[in-house]
Amino acid sequence: MKKFFIPIMTIVSLALLAFGTATETTSYKCMIQLTNYEGEGAYIVVSILDGNGKYQETLYVQGDDNEWYRDLEEWWKQIYGIRRPNLDAIVGETVTGGQRKMTVLNIPTDKIDSGYKIRFESAVEDQEYYKDDLEFDLTTENLSAKKDGKGFIRYVRMIQQ
C-alpha cells in the first residue's frame, strides 16, 4: 500500500479557502449629533453602498425595537425586510433631539478609497424619513472630516482608532 503525503501548508491553504478569511476592518469612533427636534428617538442605519448605490453592508443600526425598522424605508426594502439578517450586536438604543451617540464603526479596509459610499438614513416615529440624511464617498479624507446631515442628523464626526 502506498502512503499518501500532503504537506501541512496545503491543508492550511485548503482550510482557509473552505472557510474564507476574515475581512480586515479599520475602526472609526463615530459621533452622531442630532438636531434639536421634538418627538421620539431617532432610528438611524449606517450602510456601505457600492458606486451604483447598491447596499453592500450594514455597519450600525441605532434603535433596538425592530418593529420600527420599516420606517427606515430604503434599508428595509433592500436589506432587513427581505433577508432579516442577524444584526450581530451592532444595535444601539435611540437618542432624541439634541442628543448625541458615540459608537465604533468597523469599516472594511478594502472599501475605503475604492469607489464606495457610506450612507446614514434616519427616521423618527410619526415624523419624516431621510433616505440619505448624510451620504458621502468612503475616502480617508472624508472619514476624517466633519460631515453635516440634512435631516435629523446635525453632523457626524469620525476619528480613526
Protein backbone atom coordinates (compact mmCIF):
# COMPACT_ATOMS: atom_id res chain seq x y z
CA MET A 1 0.00 0.00 0.00
CA LYS A 2 1.35 3.41 -0.99
CA LYS A 3 1.43 6.15 1.60
CA PHE A 4 -0.05 9.45 0.55
CA PHE A 5 1.60 12.57 1.98
CA ILE A 6 0.00 16.03 1.92
CA PRO A 7 2.17 18.90 3.13
CA ILE A 8 0.71 20.77 6.11
CA MET A 9 0.72 24.11 4.21
CA THR A 10 -1.56 22.60 1.57
CA ILE A 11 -4.02 21.54 4.27
CA VAL A 12 -3.94 25.02 5.84
CA SER A 13 -4.46 26.67 2.44
CA LEU A 14 -7.43 24.42 1.67
CA ALA A 15 -8.95 25.13 5.07
CA LEU A 16 -8.66 28.90 4.51
CA LEU A 17 -10.35 28.58 1.13
CA ALA A 18 -13.12 26.45 2.56
CA PHE A 19 -13.91 28.72 5.49
CA GLY A 20 -12.92 32.06 3.94
CA THR A 21 -10.79 34.68 5.54
CA ALA A 22 -11.92 37.45 7.83
CA THR A 23 -12.24 40.84 6.21
CA GLU A 24 -9.77 43.36 7.57
CA THR A 25 -11.52 46.37 9.05
CA THR A 26 -10.47 49.80 10.20
CA SER A 27 -12.19 51.07 13.35
CA TYR A 28 -13.56 54.60 13.48
CA LYS A 29 -15.04 56.19 16.57
CA CYS A 30 -18.21 57.85 15.29
CA MET A 31 -20.19 60.60 16.99
CA ILE A 32 -23.67 61.27 15.63
CA GLN A 33 -25.07 64.63 16.81
CA LEU A 34 -28.82 65.04 16.28
CA THR A 35 -30.68 68.27 15.55
CA ASN A 36 -32.97 69.80 18.16
CA TYR A 37 -36.29 68.25 17.20
CA GLU A 38 -39.33 67.29 19.28
CA GLY A 39 -40.57 63.72 19.44
CA GLU A 40 -39.42 60.14 19.79
CA GLY A 41 -35.87 58.85 19.46
CA ALA A 42 -34.29 58.66 16.02
CA TYR A 43 -33.69 55.36 14.27
CA ILE A 44 -30.51 55.53 12.23
CA VAL A 45 -28.87 52.97 9.99
CA VAL A 46 -25.33 53.29 8.62
CA SER A 47 -24.61 51.31 5.46
CA ILE A 48 -21.93 50.92 2.84
CA LEU A 49 -23.06 51.29 -0.78
CA ASP A 50 -21.20 50.47 -3.97
CA GLY A 51 -20.65 53.06 -6.72
CA ASN A 52 -24.12 52.29 -8.16
CA GLY A 53 -25.88 52.85 -4.83
CA LYS A 54 -26.43 49.15 -4.10
CA TYR A 55 -26.29 48.13 -0.44
CA GLN A 56 -23.17 46.17 0.46
CA GLU A 57 -23.15 46.02 4.25
CA THR A 58 -24.91 47.38 7.33
CA LEU A 59 -22.40 48.83 9.79
CA TYR A 60 -24.69 50.09 12.53
CA VAL A 61 -28.34 50.33 13.50
CA GLN A 62 -29.47 52.78 16.17
CA GLY A 63 -32.76 51.62 17.61
CA ASP A 64 -33.38 48.38 19.42
CA ASP A 65 -37.06 47.79 18.61
CA ASN A 66 -37.19 46.03 15.24
CA GLU A 67 -40.90 46.89 14.99
CA TRP A 68 -39.82 50.35 13.76
CA TYR A 69 -37.12 49.27 11.29
CA ARG A 70 -39.64 49.53 8.44
CA ASP A 71 -39.54 53.32 8.94
CA LEU A 72 -36.01 53.18 7.51
CA GLU A 73 -37.69 52.55 4.19
CA GLU A 74 -34.85 52.06 1.71
CA TRP A 75 -32.76 49.91 4.04
CA TRP A 76 -35.87 47.92 4.94
CA LYS A 77 -36.71 47.27 1.27
CA GLN A 78 -33.16 46.38 0.28
CA ILE A 79 -31.80 44.55 3.32
CA TYR A 80 -33.69 43.91 6.51
CA GLY A 81 -37.26 43.44 5.31
CA ILE A 82 -36.17 40.87 2.72
CA ARG A 83 -33.28 38.99 4.28
CA ARG A 84 -33.75 39.59 8.02
CA PRO A 85 -30.03 39.36 8.73
CA ASN A 86 -28.70 38.83 12.21
CA LEU A 87 -27.60 42.33 13.22
CA ASP A 88 -24.89 40.82 15.42
CA ALA A 89 -24.92 43.18 18.42
CA ILE A 90 -24.47 46.34 16.34
CA VAL A 91 -27.81 47.67 17.51
CA GLY A 92 -27.95 50.56 19.96
CA GLU A 93 -30.82 52.37 21.64
CA THR A 94 -32.31 55.51 20.11
CA VAL A 95 -31.45 59.02 21.22
CA THR A 96 -33.73 62.05 20.99
CA GLY A 97 -33.44 65.55 19.59
CA GLY A 98 -30.29 67.44 20.53
CA GLN A 99 -28.55 64.37 21.94
CA ARG A 100 -25.50 62.60 20.58
CA LYS A 101 -24.48 59.00 20.26
CA MET A 102 -20.95 57.58 20.24
CA THR A 103 -20.25 54.25 18.58
CA VAL A 104 -17.46 52.44 16.76
CA LEU A 105 -17.86 51.62 13.09
CA ASN A 106 -15.71 48.77 11.78
CA ILE A 107 -15.33 49.65 8.11
CA PRO A 108 -13.89 47.07 5.72
CA THR A 109 -10.48 48.47 4.82
CA ASP A 110 -10.76 47.37 1.19
CA LYS A 111 -13.86 49.59 0.75
CA ILE A 112 -12.04 52.81 1.76
CA ASP A 113 -10.73 54.86 -1.21
CA SER A 114 -12.23 52.27 -3.59
CA GLY A 115 -15.36 53.93 -5.00
CA TYR A 116 -17.78 53.05 -2.19
CA LYS A 117 -20.09 55.37 -0.24
CA ILE A 118 -21.33 55.48 3.32
CA ARG A 119 -24.96 56.39 4.00
CA PHE A 120 -26.71 57.45 7.21
CA GLU A 121 -30.50 57.02 6.96
CA SER A 122 -32.74 58.43 9.69
CA ALA A 123 -36.37 58.23 10.75
CA VAL A 124 -38.43 59.30 13.74
CA GLU A 125 -41.83 57.82 14.60
CA ASP A 126 -44.72 59.92 13.20
CA GLN A 127 -42.23 62.26 11.52
CA GLU A 128 -40.11 62.22 8.40
CA TYR A 129 -37.71 59.72 6.89
CA TYR A 130 -34.41 60.78 5.32
CA LYS A 131 -33.04 58.20 2.90
CA ASP A 132 -29.73 59.99 2.66
CA ASP A 133 -29.65 62.19 5.74
CA LEU A 134 -25.90 62.03 5.24
CA GLU A 135 -24.09 60.30 2.37
CA PHE A 136 -20.54 60.70 1.18
CA ASP A 137 -17.73 58.95 -0.66
CA LEU A 138 -15.91 56.49 1.57
CA THR A 139 -12.48 58.09 1.40
CA THR A 140 -9.79 58.57 4.02
CA GLU A 141 -10.17 62.34 3.63
CA ASN A 142 -13.97 62.29 4.10
CA LEU A 143 -13.74 59.94 7.09
CA SER A 144 -11.62 62.49 8.94
CA ALA A 145 -13.87 65.49 8.20
CA LYS A 146 -16.98 66.74 10.00
CA LYS A 147 -19.99 65.99 7.79
CA ASP A 148 -23.33 67.81 8.07
CA GLY A 149 -26.62 65.96 7.81
CA LYS A 150 -29.78 67.32 6.22
CA GLY A 151 -32.48 65.71 8.35
CA PHE A 152 -32.42 64.54 11.97
CA ILE A 153 -28.61 64.35 11.92
CA ARG A 154 -26.95 67.69 12.59
CA TYR A 155 -23.46 66.32 11.91
CA VAL A 156 -21.20 63.30 12.16
CA ARG A 157 -17.54 63.23 13.18
CA MET A 158 -15.29 60.22 12.86
CA ILE A 159 -11.81 59.54 14.22
CA GLN A 160 -9.74 56.55 13.22
CA GLN A 161 -8.82 54.46 16.26
